Amino acid sequence: MLKLPEVLREIRMSRAAFYRMRARGQGPKLSKLPNGHLRVRRSDLDAWLDSQEIAY
């Protein structure tokens, strides 16, 4: 499971932009751990990235 800073580096997005996107109901699925930390499963991130590809 990836930490949020790792995800942000990979998708090249600021934390603020990421949370704006999440507020619009977009973005990869997040998992909240019992300690409140957020994680993203690698498979969820890859699936989301695949869904963002534009076919030409």
Protein backbone atom coordinates (compact mmCIF):
# COMPACT_ATOMS: atom_id res chain seq x y z
CA MET A 1 0.00 0.00 0.00
CA LEU A 2 1.29 3.40 -0.99
CA LYS A 3 1.44 6.45 1.23
CA LEU A 4 -0.21 9.60 -0.08
CA PRO A 5 3.09 11.43 -0.76
CA GLU A 6 4.21 8.46 -2.89
CA VAL A 7 0.97 8.60 -4.88
CA LEU A 8 1.26 12.37 -5.35
CA ARG A 9 4.82 12.02 -6.67
CA GLU A 10 3.78 9.29 -9.09
CA ILE A 11 0.81 11.18 -10.51
CA ARG A 12 2.68 14.52 -10.34
CA MET A 13 -0.02 16.36 -8.47
CA SER A 14 -0.06 18.64 -5.45
CA ARG A 15 -1.87 17.60 -2.29
CA ALA A 16 -4.37 20.45 -2.73
CA ALA A 17 -5.15 19.47 -6.34
CA PHE A 18 -5.53 15.85 -5.27
CA TYR A 19 -8.07 16.75 -2.58
CA ARG A 20 -9.99 19.00 -5.00
CA MET A 21 -10.18 16.07 -7.42
CA ARG A 22 -11.35 13.77 -4.60
CA ALA A 23 -14.03 16.34 -3.63
CA ARG A 24 -15.39 16.02 -7.19
CA GLY A 25 -15.67 12.25 -6.72
CA GLN A 26 -12.62 11.47 -8.84
CA GLY A 27 -9.28 9.88 -8.12
CA PRO A 28 -8.08 6.51 -6.91
CA LYS A 29 -9.79 4.70 -4.06
CA LEU A 30 -8.33 5.58 -0.67
CA SER A 31 -8.10 3.31 2.35
CA LYS A 32 -8.07 4.86 5.81
CA LEU A 33 -6.06 2.98 8.39
CA PRO A 34 -7.20 2.79 12.05
CA ASN A 35 -4.58 5.43 12.93
CA GLY A 36 -6.15 7.83 10.39
CA HIS A 37 -3.40 7.58 7.78
CA LEU A 38 -4.44 7.28 4.15
CA ARG A 39 -3.14 4.60 1.81
CA VAL A 40 -3.76 3.66 -1.80
CA ARG A 41 -3.44 0.08 -2.98
CA ARG A 42 -1.10 -0.28 -5.94
CA SER A 43 -3.83 -2.15 -7.85
CA ASP A 44 -6.35 0.68 -7.24
CA LEU A 45 -3.86 3.31 -8.40
CA ASP A 46 -2.98 1.32 -11.53
CA ALA A 47 -6.67 0.78 -12.35
CA TRP A 48 -7.39 4.48 -11.91
CA LEU A 49 -4.42 5.47 -14.06
CA ASP A 50 -5.58 3.06 -16.78
CA SER A 51 -9.05 4.63 -16.69
CA GLN A 52 -7.52 8.08 -17.22
CA GLU A 53 -5.85 7.19 -20.51
CA ILE A 54 -7.29 8.96 -23.52
CA ALA A 55 -7.73 6.84 -26.62
CA TYR A 56 -6.78 8.61 -29.83
